[in-house]
Amino acid sequence: MLFVIHALDRPDAGDLRAETRSAHREYVAGFDVALGGPLLDGEGDMCGSLIVLEAEDLAAAEAYAAADPYAVAGLFERVEIRGLRPLIGPDG
């Protein structure tokens, strides 16, 4: 099943995203990620992450999100995880 992980950075995160980016990208490469990338604010600066993950169930998606180096480092202010049933696009 697909899950959407929507995570918003802490306003005071500073350079934390850049400092942990390599570890995050290595981590993500070990999973079945259908789509992912940084969210951008109105000025085009990174302010969060969106990942569409193939996982067995919600618990597996939550475990993935909790172990992401960005999350471990404390980058995110808020993380929401929801199931996704594609209706448009290659899986819809």
N, C-alpha and C. Protein backbone atom coordinates (compact mmCIF):
# COMPACT_ATOMS: atom_id res chain seq x y z
N MET A 1 0.85 -1.17 0.00
CA MET A 1 0.00 0.00 0.00
C MET A 1 0.90 1.24 0.00
N LEU A 2 0.40 2.30 -0.62
CA LEU A 2 1.14 3.55 -0.64
C LEU A 2 0.77 4.42 0.56
N PHE A 3 1.78 5.11 1.10
CA PHE A 3 1.59 6.04 2.19
C PHE A 3 2.28 7.35 1.85
N VAL A 4 1.62 8.45 2.19
CA VAL A 4 2.19 9.78 2.00
C VAL A 4 2.72 10.25 3.35
N ILE A 5 4.00 10.63 3.36
CA ILE A 5 4.61 11.19 4.56
C ILE A 5 4.83 12.68 4.28
N HIS A 6 4.13 13.52 5.02
CA HIS A 6 4.18 14.97 4.85
C HIS A 6 4.82 15.53 6.10
N ALA A 7 6.03 16.07 5.98
CA ALA A 7 6.78 16.55 7.15
C ALA A 7 7.18 18.00 6.95
N LEU A 8 6.94 18.81 7.96
CA LEU A 8 7.31 20.23 7.91
C LEU A 8 8.46 20.49 8.87
N ASP A 9 9.46 21.23 8.38
CA ASP A 9 10.65 21.55 9.18
C ASP A 9 10.30 22.47 10.34
N ARG A 10 11.08 22.36 11.40
CA ARG A 10 11.01 23.33 12.50
C ARG A 10 11.45 24.69 11.98
N PRO A 11 10.84 25.77 12.43
CA PRO A 11 11.26 27.09 11.95
C PRO A 11 12.70 27.42 12.33
N ASP A 12 13.19 26.85 13.42
CA ASP A 12 14.55 27.14 13.90
C ASP A 12 15.56 26.06 13.50
N ALA A 13 15.26 25.30 12.46
CA ALA A 13 16.11 24.16 12.08
C ALA A 13 17.47 24.60 11.52
N GLY A 14 17.55 25.83 11.03
CA GLY A 14 18.82 26.33 10.52
C GLY A 14 19.41 25.43 9.44
N ASP A 15 20.66 25.04 9.62
CA ASP A 15 21.38 24.23 8.63
C ASP A 15 21.19 22.73 8.84
N LEU A 16 20.31 22.33 9.75
CA LEU A 16 20.14 20.91 10.07
C LEU A 16 19.79 20.07 8.85
N ARG A 17 18.95 20.58 7.96
CA ARG A 17 18.58 19.82 6.75
C ARG A 17 19.82 19.54 5.90
N ALA A 18 20.63 20.55 5.66
CA ALA A 18 21.84 20.37 4.84
C ALA A 18 22.83 19.43 5.52
N GLU A 19 22.94 19.52 6.83
CA GLU A 19 23.89 18.70 7.57
C GLU A 19 23.51 17.22 7.58
N THR A 20 22.24 16.91 7.46
CA THR A 20 21.79 15.51 7.51
C THR A 20 21.31 14.98 6.16
N ARG A 21 21.43 15.79 5.11
CA ARG A 21 20.91 15.39 3.79
C ARG A 21 21.54 14.09 3.28
N SER A 22 22.84 13.94 3.38
CA SER A 22 23.50 12.73 2.86
C SER A 22 22.99 11.48 3.56
N ALA A 23 22.89 11.52 4.89
CA ALA A 23 22.40 10.37 5.63
C ALA A 23 20.94 10.07 5.27
N HIS A 24 20.14 11.12 5.09
CA HIS A 24 18.74 10.95 4.69
C HIS A 24 18.65 10.27 3.33
N ARG A 25 19.43 10.73 2.37
CA ARG A 25 19.36 10.16 1.01
C ARG A 25 19.83 8.72 1.00
N GLU A 26 20.85 8.38 1.76
CA GLU A 26 21.29 6.98 1.86
C GLU A 26 20.18 6.12 2.47
N TYR A 27 19.53 6.62 3.48
CA TYR A 27 18.44 5.90 4.15
C TYR A 27 17.29 5.64 3.18
N VAL A 28 16.86 6.67 2.49
CA VAL A 28 15.73 6.57 1.56
C VAL A 28 16.01 5.56 0.45
N ALA A 29 17.26 5.48 0.01
CA ALA A 29 17.63 4.57 -1.08
C ALA A 29 17.37 3.10 -0.72
N GLY A 30 17.25 2.79 0.55
CA GLY A 30 17.03 1.41 0.98
C GLY A 30 15.57 1.01 1.03
N PHE A 31 14.66 1.86 0.57
CA PHE A 31 13.23 1.59 0.66
C PHE A 31 12.56 1.78 -0.69
N ASP A 32 11.33 1.30 -0.78
CA ASP A 32 10.53 1.40 -2.00
C ASP A 32 9.78 2.75 -2.00
N VAL A 33 10.50 3.80 -2.40
CA VAL A 33 9.92 5.14 -2.44
C VAL A 33 9.46 5.42 -3.86
N ALA A 34 8.16 5.68 -4.02
CA ALA A 34 7.60 5.95 -5.34
C ALA A 34 7.89 7.37 -5.80
N LEU A 35 7.94 8.30 -4.85
CA LEU A 35 8.12 9.71 -5.16
C LEU A 35 8.55 10.42 -3.89
N GLY A 36 9.40 11.39 -4.03
CA GLY A 36 9.79 12.14 -2.85
C GLY A 36 10.59 13.37 -3.21
N GLY A 37 10.62 14.31 -2.29
CA GLY A 37 11.42 15.51 -2.49
C GLY A 37 11.11 16.55 -1.44
N PRO A 38 11.89 17.63 -1.47
CA PRO A 38 11.66 18.70 -0.49
C PRO A 38 10.44 19.54 -0.85
N LEU A 39 9.76 20.00 0.18
CA LEU A 39 8.70 20.98 0.01
C LEU A 39 9.35 22.36 0.02
N LEU A 40 8.77 23.30 -0.73
CA LEU A 40 9.34 24.64 -0.85
C LEU A 40 8.36 25.68 -0.33
N ASP A 41 8.91 26.69 0.33
CA ASP A 41 8.07 27.79 0.79
C ASP A 41 7.87 28.80 -0.34
N GLY A 42 7.22 29.91 -0.07
CA GLY A 42 6.91 30.92 -1.07
C GLY A 42 8.13 31.55 -1.72
N GLU A 43 9.27 31.49 -1.07
CA GLU A 43 10.51 32.03 -1.62
C GLU A 43 11.35 30.98 -2.33
N GLY A 44 10.84 29.73 -2.36
CA GLY A 44 11.58 28.65 -3.01
C GLY A 44 12.58 27.96 -2.11
N ASP A 45 12.57 28.24 -0.82
CA ASP A 45 13.47 27.59 0.13
C ASP A 45 12.84 26.31 0.65
N MET A 46 13.68 25.30 0.93
CA MET A 46 13.18 24.04 1.46
C MET A 46 12.59 24.25 2.85
N CYS A 47 11.41 23.66 3.07
CA CYS A 47 10.72 23.84 4.35
C CYS A 47 10.09 22.56 4.86
N GLY A 48 10.34 21.45 4.19
CA GLY A 48 9.76 20.18 4.60
C GLY A 48 10.04 19.11 3.58
N SER A 49 9.41 17.96 3.77
CA SER A 49 9.61 16.82 2.88
C SER A 49 8.29 16.15 2.59
N LEU A 50 8.18 15.60 1.38
CA LEU A 50 7.03 14.79 1.00
C LEU A 50 7.58 13.50 0.40
N ILE A 51 7.13 12.38 0.94
CA ILE A 51 7.56 11.07 0.44
C ILE A 51 6.33 10.21 0.24
N VAL A 52 6.26 9.55 -0.90
CA VAL A 52 5.23 8.55 -1.16
C VAL A 52 5.95 7.21 -1.10
N LEU A 53 5.60 6.42 -0.10
CA LEU A 53 6.31 5.19 0.24
C LEU A 53 5.41 3.98 0.07
N GLU A 54 5.95 2.93 -0.51
CA GLU A 54 5.26 1.64 -0.55
C GLU A 54 5.64 0.91 0.74
N ALA A 55 4.63 0.58 1.55
CA ALA A 55 4.88 -0.11 2.81
C ALA A 55 3.76 -1.12 3.07
N GLU A 56 4.07 -2.09 3.90
CA GLU A 56 3.11 -3.16 4.20
C GLU A 56 1.87 -2.62 4.91
N ASP A 57 2.08 -1.69 5.84
CA ASP A 57 0.96 -1.15 6.60
C ASP A 57 1.38 0.17 7.24
N LEU A 58 0.44 0.80 7.95
CA LEU A 58 0.72 2.09 8.57
C LEU A 58 1.86 1.99 9.57
N ALA A 59 1.91 0.92 10.33
CA ALA A 59 2.99 0.75 11.32
C ALA A 59 4.36 0.76 10.64
N ALA A 60 4.47 0.12 9.49
CA ALA A 60 5.75 0.10 8.76
C ALA A 60 6.10 1.49 8.24
N ALA A 61 5.11 2.22 7.76
CA ALA A 61 5.36 3.59 7.29
C ALA A 61 5.77 4.49 8.45
N GLU A 62 5.13 4.32 9.60
CA GLU A 62 5.50 5.10 10.78
C GLU A 62 6.92 4.77 11.24
N ALA A 63 7.28 3.50 11.19
CA ALA A 63 8.65 3.10 11.58
C ALA A 63 9.67 3.69 10.63
N TYR A 64 9.36 3.66 9.33
CA TYR A 64 10.24 4.28 8.33
C TYR A 64 10.45 5.76 8.66
N ALA A 65 9.35 6.48 8.88
CA ALA A 65 9.43 7.92 9.13
C ALA A 65 10.20 8.22 10.42
N ALA A 66 9.99 7.42 11.45
CA ALA A 66 10.66 7.67 12.73
C ALA A 66 12.16 7.44 12.65
N ALA A 67 12.61 6.53 11.79
CA ALA A 67 14.03 6.21 11.68
C ALA A 67 14.76 7.04 10.63
N ASP A 68 14.03 7.86 9.87
CA ASP A 68 14.66 8.74 8.88
C ASP A 68 15.65 9.66 9.60
N PRO A 69 16.87 9.76 9.11
CA PRO A 69 17.86 10.64 9.77
C PRO A 69 17.38 12.07 9.98
N TYR A 70 16.53 12.60 9.10
CA TYR A 70 15.97 13.92 9.33
C TYR A 70 15.15 13.93 10.63
N ALA A 71 14.31 12.92 10.81
CA ALA A 71 13.48 12.84 12.02
C ALA A 71 14.35 12.61 13.26
N VAL A 72 15.31 11.72 13.15
CA VAL A 72 16.19 11.42 14.28
C VAL A 72 16.95 12.67 14.72
N ALA A 73 17.35 13.50 13.77
CA ALA A 73 18.08 14.74 14.07
C ALA A 73 17.17 15.83 14.64
N GLY A 74 15.85 15.63 14.57
CA GLY A 74 14.92 16.63 15.10
C GLY A 74 14.58 17.74 14.12
N LEU A 75 14.70 17.47 12.82
CA LEU A 75 14.44 18.50 11.81
C LEU A 75 12.96 18.91 11.75
N PHE A 76 12.06 17.96 11.97
CA PHE A 76 10.65 18.22 11.69
C PHE A 76 9.89 18.75 12.89
N GLU A 77 9.02 19.71 12.60
CA GLU A 77 8.08 20.23 13.59
C GLU A 77 6.84 19.35 13.63
N ARG A 78 6.43 18.87 12.46
CA ARG A 78 5.21 18.07 12.36
C ARG A 78 5.35 17.05 11.25
N VAL A 79 4.85 15.84 11.50
CA VAL A 79 4.86 14.78 10.50
C VAL A 79 3.46 14.16 10.48
N GLU A 80 2.89 14.05 9.28
CA GLU A 80 1.61 13.37 9.09
C GLU A 80 1.80 12.25 8.09
N ILE A 81 1.18 11.12 8.38
CA ILE A 81 1.27 9.95 7.48
C ILE A 81 -0.14 9.49 7.19
N ARG A 82 -0.43 9.36 5.91
CA ARG A 82 -1.76 8.93 5.47
C ARG A 82 -1.61 7.90 4.35
N GLY A 83 -2.56 6.97 4.29
CA GLY A 83 -2.61 6.05 3.17
C GLY A 83 -3.05 6.78 1.90
N LEU A 84 -2.67 6.23 0.77
CA LEU A 84 -3.02 6.84 -0.52
C LEU A 84 -3.54 5.77 -1.46
N ARG A 85 -4.68 6.06 -2.07
CA ARG A 85 -5.23 5.20 -3.11
C ARG A 85 -5.18 5.99 -4.42
N PRO A 86 -4.18 5.73 -5.26
CA PRO A 86 -4.02 6.50 -6.51
C PRO A 86 -5.20 6.32 -7.45
N LEU A 87 -5.69 7.43 -7.98
CA LEU A 87 -6.75 7.41 -8.99
C LEU A 87 -6.27 8.03 -10.29
N ILE A 88 -5.23 8.84 -10.22
CA ILE A 88 -4.67 9.51 -11.39
C ILE A 88 -3.17 9.22 -11.42
N GLY A 89 -2.63 9.01 -12.60
CA GLY A 89 -1.20 8.75 -12.74
C GLY A 89 -0.94 7.30 -13.09
N PRO A 90 0.32 6.88 -13.05
CA PRO A 90 0.68 5.54 -13.51
C PRO A 90 0.05 4.42 -12.71
N ASP A 91 -0.27 4.65 -11.42
CA ASP A 91 -0.88 3.60 -10.60
C ASP A 91 -2.39 3.72 -10.49
N GLY A 92 -2.96 4.75 -11.15
CA GLY A 92 -4.39 5.03 -10.98
C GLY A 92 -5.26 4.47 -12.05
